Amino acid sequence: MRSIRATRCTFPVLSVGNVVVGGSGKTPVTIALAELLRENGKNPIIVTRGYGGDIFKNAGVTSGRFSRWFCLSFYKSIKPNEKSAATPEKSTMVVNGAVLVDEKIHSAREVGDEAMVLCKHASTVVAKDRRLGIDLVNSLEFPENTAVILDDAHQNSSIKKDVSIIVVNSKQMFGNGFVIPSGPLRERISSGIARADLVVFVYDDEREKNRARELCKYGRPIIFARSSFYVDIMRGARVVAFAGIGFADRFFDTLCALGLEVVKFIRFEDHHEYDVRNEKCLLQLARSNDAFLVSTRKDYVKFSSLFCKQVHVVDLFISFSGSVLTPAGEEIYVGTSGVVKFFT
């Protein structure tokens, strides 16, 4: 069987992924990493699959020599993190199976919910085949200080990676420890971590940090990242909460920790696409329970403009604490500048 040669990127590539299916905090960690890199003089570009988007079904796709010419002629005037000023017709054209997301033109239906969240923090490329996404990045005239973040690519070997990162959440960890369909694992824990250079351990409070020590046996440095939450509702308020995300139980626990009274909690499947009927039912449910509607940012980008005005969003923020746990089990403080060195 012939092996596929990994595609090389012009810039350093950092892969952010996990061993479990959803819910580890991979997307907010990707955002935090992009912001950390920018604060330290890098120009982050995110490449993601755009799960749930249909832009590759409906848009024209160019290929071959013309696609290369189109990449250069159409995109070369775009500066890093500057939104495209292109017309909607041109912006929705897919260049050789990849597209640079423009939040003013694209929607979650086209490029997926995660891409719409990510593009607010860094230039984002969507490509079902990540090799095509890297081809597009290589074609664009980004500065030399650019660093590419591959979103959810730990199980993808088609791209040459400089740093491979696994995200582990203190609440979820690895579930029951079984691989799909018996559990939440995409692969065995040992093999997944063996391919990683480091682990980012996400926790909510200090009591949960000790769970990171369970990972020391795998011989990888562990970067601590603390999560915090914000919602513009007073403590004690009655809420009807709903979410279409992986590991929705964590969202429910967060609402309780924020002091909200959750009178109803509705779980939709991950990446659920909301329609008018969903929105109408949720509004009626909130009114009948005299409660506010609450959801996540990932869900919010898929709502109609009218429904958006009726929903309060719980925002999740990730910050690197500056602490690292060594494979020997020693926690050392290196500061954010020290953390950056692990990623670069």
Protein backbone atom coordinates (compact mmCIF):
# COMPACT_ATOMS: atom_id res chain seq x y z
CA MET A 1 0.00 0.00 0.00
CA ARG A 2 1.41 3.38 -1.02
CA SER A 3 1.78 5.95 1.73
CA ILE A 4 0.70 9.52 1.07
CA ARG A 5 3.49 12.06 1.45
CA ALA A 6 2.60 14.73 4.01
CA THR A 7 2.06 18.21 2.59
CA ARG A 8 4.51 20.83 3.82
CA CYS A 9 3.50 24.36 4.68
CA THR A 10 5.61 27.45 4.04
CA PHE A 11 5.07 28.39 7.70
CA PRO A 12 5.34 26.54 11.02
CA VAL A 13 2.30 24.31 11.68
CA LEU A 14 0.76 23.71 15.10
CA SER A 15 -1.87 20.98 15.27
CA VAL A 16 -4.58 21.22 17.95
CA GLY A 17 -6.68 18.12 18.49
CA ASN A 18 -7.94 15.60 21.01
CA VAL A 19 -8.43 11.92 21.62
CA VAL A 20 -12.13 12.18 22.46
CA VAL A 21 -15.03 13.11 20.20
CA GLY A 22 -15.92 16.71 21.03
CA GLY A 23 -16.26 18.57 24.29
CA SER A 24 -12.62 18.88 25.34
CA GLY A 25 -12.42 22.64 24.72
CA LYS A 26 -10.42 22.36 21.51
CA THR A 27 -12.01 25.41 19.82
CA PRO A 28 -11.47 27.87 22.71
CA VAL A 29 -7.92 26.54 23.12
CA THR A 30 -7.33 27.20 19.41
CA ILE A 31 -8.58 30.77 19.93
CA ALA A 32 -6.41 31.25 23.04
CA LEU A 33 -3.38 29.90 21.18
CA ALA A 34 -4.00 32.26 18.24
CA GLU A 35 -4.21 35.23 20.61
CA LEU A 36 -1.10 34.12 22.51
CA LEU A 37 0.88 33.83 19.27
CA ARG A 38 -0.31 37.25 18.13
CA GLU A 39 0.70 38.82 21.44
CA ASN A 40 4.17 37.39 20.88
CA GLY A 41 4.69 38.78 17.40
CA LYS A 42 3.20 35.98 15.29
CA ASN A 43 0.50 36.17 12.63
CA PRO A 44 -1.84 33.20 13.29
CA ILE A 45 -3.79 31.56 10.47
CA ILE A 46 -6.30 28.84 11.34
CA VAL A 47 -7.07 25.97 8.96
CA THR A 48 -10.22 23.98 9.78
CA ARG A 49 -12.56 21.52 8.05
CA GLY A 50 -15.67 23.65 8.40
CA TYR A 51 -17.73 20.73 9.68
CA GLY A 52 -21.42 21.09 8.82
CA GLY A 53 -20.87 23.72 6.12
CA ASP A 54 -22.15 23.23 2.59
CA ILE A 55 -20.03 25.75 0.69
CA PHE A 56 -18.21 23.00 -1.17
CA LYS A 57 -21.50 21.63 -2.46
CA ASN A 58 -22.86 24.89 -3.81
CA ALA A 59 -19.85 26.99 -4.80
CA GLY A 60 -17.88 26.78 -8.02
CA VAL A 61 -14.57 24.97 -7.61
CA THR A 62 -11.51 25.90 -9.60
CA SER A 63 -8.64 23.52 -10.16
CA GLY A 64 -5.28 23.11 -11.84
CA ARG A 65 -3.21 26.05 -13.08
CA PHE A 66 -6.15 28.44 -13.03
CA SER A 67 -6.70 27.83 -9.31
CA ARG A 68 -3.11 28.88 -8.56
CA TRP A 69 -3.48 32.00 -10.67
CA PHE A 70 -6.80 32.76 -9.03
CA CYS A 71 -5.34 32.35 -5.52
CA LEU A 72 -2.59 34.84 -6.21
CA SER A 73 -4.59 37.38 -8.20
CA PHE A 74 -7.69 37.34 -6.01
CA TYR A 75 -6.13 37.10 -2.54
CA LYS A 76 -2.74 38.74 -2.83
CA SER A 77 -3.99 42.13 -1.64
CA ILE A 78 -5.43 40.68 1.59
CA LYS A 79 -3.35 41.56 4.64
CA PRO A 80 -3.17 39.29 7.69
CA ASN A 81 -6.33 39.42 9.86
CA GLU A 82 -7.87 41.94 7.47
CA LYS A 83 -11.35 41.00 6.31
CA SER A 84 -11.80 40.57 2.60
CA ALA A 85 -13.43 43.46 0.76
CA ALA A 86 -14.33 41.17 -2.12
CA THR A 87 -17.80 40.97 -3.57
CA PRO A 88 -20.07 38.18 -2.31
CA GLU A 89 -19.97 36.46 -5.70
CA LYS A 90 -16.18 36.17 -5.73
CA SER A 91 -15.80 35.50 -2.02
CA THR A 92 -18.00 32.41 -2.13
CA MET A 93 -15.96 30.89 -4.96
CA VAL A 94 -13.99 27.96 -3.67
CA VAL A 95 -10.35 27.99 -4.75
CA ASN A 96 -9.20 24.43 -5.35
CA GLY A 97 -11.37 23.08 -2.52
CA ALA A 98 -10.55 25.75 0.07
CA VAL A 99 -11.90 29.16 1.01
CA LEU A 100 -10.74 32.08 3.14
CA VAL A 101 -13.63 32.86 5.50
CA ASP A 102 -15.15 36.34 5.53
CA GLU A 103 -17.54 36.78 8.47
CA LYS A 104 -19.33 39.62 6.67
CA ILE A 105 -20.27 37.38 3.77
CA HIS A 106 -20.17 33.75 4.85
CA SER A 107 -22.56 32.01 7.24
CA ALA A 108 -22.38 29.00 9.54
CA ARG A 109 -24.52 27.13 7.02
CA GLU A 110 -21.75 27.63 4.43
CA VAL A 111 -18.52 27.24 6.40
CA GLY A 112 -19.67 25.60 9.64
CA ASP A 113 -20.27 26.96 13.14
CA GLU A 114 -16.70 26.56 14.41
CA ALA A 115 -15.23 28.44 11.44
CA MET A 116 -17.59 31.36 12.09
CA VAL A 117 -16.40 31.52 15.69
CA LEU A 118 -12.70 31.13 14.82
CA CYS A 119 -12.66 33.76 12.06
CA LYS A 120 -13.50 36.46 14.61
CA HIS A 121 -10.10 35.86 16.22
CA ALA A 122 -7.78 35.08 13.30
CA SER A 123 -7.79 34.64 9.53
CA THR A 124 -9.44 31.29 8.93
CA VAL A 125 -9.28 28.92 5.97
CA VAL A 126 -11.90 26.20 5.52
CA ALA A 127 -11.04 23.08 3.55
CA LYS A 128 -12.55 19.60 3.71
CA ASP A 129 -9.13 18.28 2.71
CA ARG A 130 -6.60 20.08 4.90
CA ARG A 131 -3.92 19.64 2.24
CA LEU A 132 -5.93 21.96 0.01
CA GLY A 133 -6.19 24.41 2.89
CA ILE A 134 -2.40 24.41 3.26
CA ASP A 135 -2.05 24.84 -0.51
CA LEU A 136 -4.20 27.96 -0.26
CA VAL A 137 -2.16 29.33 2.67
CA ASN A 138 1.04 28.68 0.71
CA SER A 139 -0.42 30.63 -2.21
CA LEU A 140 -1.32 33.70 -0.17
CA GLU A 141 1.17 36.44 0.54
CA PHE A 142 1.24 36.22 4.32
CA PRO A 143 4.25 37.67 6.21
CA GLU A 144 7.20 35.60 7.37
CA ASN A 145 6.03 35.64 11.01
CA THR A 146 2.91 33.63 10.12
CA ALA A 147 2.11 30.47 12.08
CA VAL A 148 -0.59 28.03 10.98
CA ILE A 149 -2.90 26.38 13.50
CA LEU A 150 -4.53 23.17 12.27
CA ASP A 151 -7.86 22.80 14.05
CA ASP A 152 -8.90 19.25 15.04
CA ALA A 153 -6.14 17.55 13.06
CA HIS A 154 -4.51 15.13 15.48
CA GLN A 155 -5.79 12.08 13.61
CA ASN A 156 -4.82 13.60 10.25
CA SER A 157 -1.35 12.68 8.96
CA SER A 158 -1.59 14.42 5.58
CA ILE A 159 0.12 17.60 6.84
CA LYS A 160 3.68 17.92 8.14
CA LYS A 161 3.34 19.27 11.70
CA ASP A 162 5.94 21.12 13.74
CA VAL A 163 4.06 20.86 17.04
CA SER A 164 1.22 18.45 17.86
CA ILE A 165 -1.03 19.41 20.77
CA ILE A 166 -3.69 17.35 22.50
CA VAL A 167 -6.40 19.06 24.57
CA VAL A 168 -7.73 17.29 27.66
CA ASN A 169 -10.57 18.64 29.77
CA SER A 170 -10.47 18.03 33.53
CA LYS A 171 -14.20 17.27 33.72
CA GLN A 172 -14.41 14.90 30.79
CA MET A 173 -10.88 13.44 30.71
CA PHE A 174 -11.29 10.31 28.54
CA GLY A 175 -14.80 9.27 29.51
CA ASN A 176 -15.12 5.54 30.14
CA GLY A 177 -11.83 4.88 28.37
CA PHE A 178 -13.36 2.97 25.45
CA VAL A 179 -13.09 3.66 21.73
CA ILE A 180 -16.16 4.50 19.61
CA PRO A 181 -18.84 3.11 19.61
CA SER A 182 -18.38 1.81 23.17
CA GLY A 183 -17.03 5.14 24.43
CA PRO A 184 -15.95 8.65 23.41
CA LEU A 185 -12.39 7.84 22.27
CA ARG A 186 -11.30 8.29 18.66
CA GLU A 187 -8.31 6.04 19.34
CA ARG A 188 -6.47 4.47 22.25
CA ILE A 189 -5.22 7.04 24.77
CA SER A 190 -1.63 5.79 24.71
CA SER A 191 -1.29 5.90 20.93
CA GLY A 192 -2.95 9.32 20.70
CA ILE A 193 -0.70 10.94 23.28
CA ALA A 194 2.38 9.19 21.90
CA ARG A 195 2.01 11.22 18.68
CA ALA A 196 1.63 14.50 20.62
CA ASP A 197 4.45 16.82 21.65
CA LEU A 198 2.51 18.23 24.58
CA VAL A 199 -0.85 18.26 26.33
CA VAL A 200 -2.96 21.33 27.10
CA PHE A 201 -4.95 20.57 30.25
CA VAL A 202 -8.10 22.70 30.61
CA TYR A 203 -9.58 23.13 34.10
CA ASP A 204 -12.20 25.35 35.77
CA ASP A 205 -10.90 25.53 39.34
CA GLU A 206 -7.80 24.62 41.32
CA ARG A 207 -9.31 21.44 42.72
CA GLU A 208 -9.36 19.93 39.24
CA LYS A 209 -5.69 20.58 38.46
CA ASN A 210 -4.55 17.44 40.26
CA ARG A 211 -6.26 15.27 37.65
CA ALA A 212 -3.51 16.33 35.24
CA ARG A 213 -1.09 14.11 37.17
CA GLU A 214 -2.88 11.10 35.73
CA LEU A 215 -1.31 12.07 32.39
CA CYS A 216 2.30 12.25 33.57
CA LYS A 217 2.81 8.56 32.85
CA TYR A 218 2.55 9.29 29.12
CA GLY A 219 5.78 11.32 29.23
CA ARG A 220 4.61 14.61 27.74
CA PRO A 221 4.79 18.13 29.23
CA ILE A 222 1.39 19.40 30.32
CA ILE A 223 0.47 23.07 29.82
CA PHE A 224 -2.21 24.33 32.20
CA ALA A 225 -5.03 26.44 30.76
CA ARG A 226 -7.81 27.81 32.93
CA SER A 227 -11.33 28.39 31.66
CA SER A 228 -13.66 31.17 32.76
CA PHE A 229 -17.21 32.02 31.76
CA TYR A 230 -19.34 35.13 31.34
CA VAL A 231 -23.04 35.71 30.78
CA ASP A 232 -24.97 38.99 31.06
CA ILE A 233 -27.65 37.63 33.42
CA MET A 234 -27.89 38.09 37.18
CA ARG A 235 -27.26 35.14 39.49
CA GLY A 236 -30.46 33.34 40.45
CA ALA A 237 -32.18 34.07 37.14
CA ARG A 238 -34.40 31.36 35.66
CA VAL A 239 -33.12 30.07 32.34
CA VAL A 240 -34.06 27.65 29.61
CA ALA A 241 -30.71 26.44 28.31
CA PHE A 242 -30.00 24.60 25.09
CA ALA A 243 -26.90 23.57 23.17
CA GLY A 244 -25.78 21.50 20.19
CA ILE A 245 -22.22 20.79 21.30
CA GLY A 246 -20.05 17.86 22.33
CA PHE A 247 -20.16 17.02 26.06
CA ALA A 248 -23.17 19.27 26.77
CA ASP A 249 -23.12 18.22 30.43
CA ARG A 250 -20.23 20.60 30.98
CA PHE A 251 -22.40 23.49 29.74
CA PHE A 252 -25.12 22.53 32.23
CA ASP A 253 -22.57 22.40 35.08
CA THR A 254 -21.25 25.82 34.04
CA LEU A 255 -24.72 27.37 34.23
CA CYS A 256 -25.18 25.98 37.74
CA ALA A 257 -21.74 27.28 38.75
CA LEU A 258 -22.74 30.72 37.47
CA GLY A 259 -25.65 30.66 39.91
CA LEU A 260 -28.42 30.33 37.32
CA GLU A 261 -31.59 28.33 37.91
CA VAL A 262 -31.87 25.94 34.97
CA VAL A 263 -35.56 25.12 34.65
CA LYS A 264 -35.15 23.31 31.32
CA PHE A 265 -32.08 21.97 29.53
CA ILE A 266 -32.34 20.84 25.92
CA ARG A 267 -29.56 18.88 24.25
CA PHE A 268 -29.29 18.95 20.47
CA GLU A 269 -26.80 16.86 18.52
CA ASP A 270 -23.36 18.38 17.99
CA HIS A 271 -23.32 20.96 15.15
CA HIS A 272 -27.13 21.02 15.10
CA GLU A 273 -28.58 23.31 12.43
CA TYR A 274 -31.41 25.38 13.91
CA ASP A 275 -34.53 26.12 11.89
CA VAL A 276 -37.56 28.34 12.39
CA ARG A 277 -39.46 25.55 14.11
CA ASN A 278 -36.66 25.04 16.66
CA GLU A 279 -36.48 28.75 17.41
CA LYS A 280 -40.25 29.07 17.79
CA CYS A 281 -40.45 26.11 20.18
CA LEU A 282 -37.58 27.44 22.30
CA LEU A 283 -39.18 30.88 22.57
CA GLN A 284 -42.49 29.34 23.65
CA LEU A 285 -40.70 27.18 26.20
CA ALA A 286 -38.94 30.21 27.69
CA ARG A 287 -42.16 32.21 27.90
CA SER A 288 -44.14 29.38 29.51
CA ASN A 289 -41.42 29.02 32.16
CA ASP A 290 -40.92 32.79 32.64
CA ALA A 291 -37.23 32.31 31.88
CA PHE A 292 -34.37 33.65 29.77
CA LEU A 293 -33.01 31.67 26.84
CA VAL A 294 -29.32 30.77 27.20
CA SER A 295 -26.96 29.04 24.79
CA THR A 296 -23.33 28.87 23.63
CA ARG A 297 -21.39 31.04 21.18
CA LYS A 298 -21.00 28.09 18.82
CA ASP A 299 -24.79 27.72 18.66
CA TYR A 300 -25.40 31.48 18.50
CA VAL A 301 -23.67 31.89 15.12
CA LYS A 302 -26.35 29.65 13.57
CA PHE A 303 -29.43 31.54 14.80
CA SER A 304 -31.59 33.85 12.71
CA SER A 305 -30.93 37.55 13.32
CA LEU A 306 -34.29 37.93 15.07
CA PHE A 307 -33.73 34.94 17.35
CA CYS A 308 -30.24 36.20 18.26
CA LYS A 309 -31.87 39.14 20.03
CA GLN A 310 -33.79 36.74 22.29
CA VAL A 311 -30.84 34.60 23.43
CA HIS A 312 -28.16 35.27 26.03
CA VAL A 313 -24.77 33.74 25.31
CA VAL A 314 -22.42 32.11 27.81
CA ASP A 315 -18.93 32.97 26.58
CA LEU A 316 -16.03 30.65 27.39
CA PHE A 317 -12.55 32.10 27.73
CA ILE A 318 -9.31 30.14 27.98
CA SER A 319 -6.10 31.60 29.41
CA PHE A 320 -2.74 29.91 29.80
CA SER A 321 -1.81 30.07 33.47
CA GLY A 322 1.93 30.01 32.81
CA SER A 323 2.37 26.73 34.69
CA VAL A 324 3.71 23.49 33.25
CA LEU A 325 3.59 20.00 34.72
CA THR A 326 6.65 17.94 33.79
CA PRO A 327 6.48 14.18 33.04
CA ALA A 328 8.16 13.72 36.43
CA GLY A 329 5.16 15.35 38.11
CA GLU A 330 6.84 18.64 39.01
CA GLU A 331 4.80 21.79 38.44
CA ILE A 332 6.91 24.76 37.40
CA TYR A 333 5.94 28.32 36.59
CA VAL A 334 7.38 29.57 33.30
CA GLY A 335 5.03 32.48 32.60
CA THR A 336 3.22 33.06 29.30
CA SER A 337 6.52 33.85 27.60
CA GLY A 338 7.77 30.43 28.67
CA VAL A 339 4.57 28.76 27.48
CA VAL A 340 5.01 30.28 24.02
CA LYS A 341 8.34 28.50 23.67
CA PHE A 342 6.57 25.14 23.90
CA PHE A 343 4.39 26.13 20.96
CA THR A 344 7.15 27.57 18.82
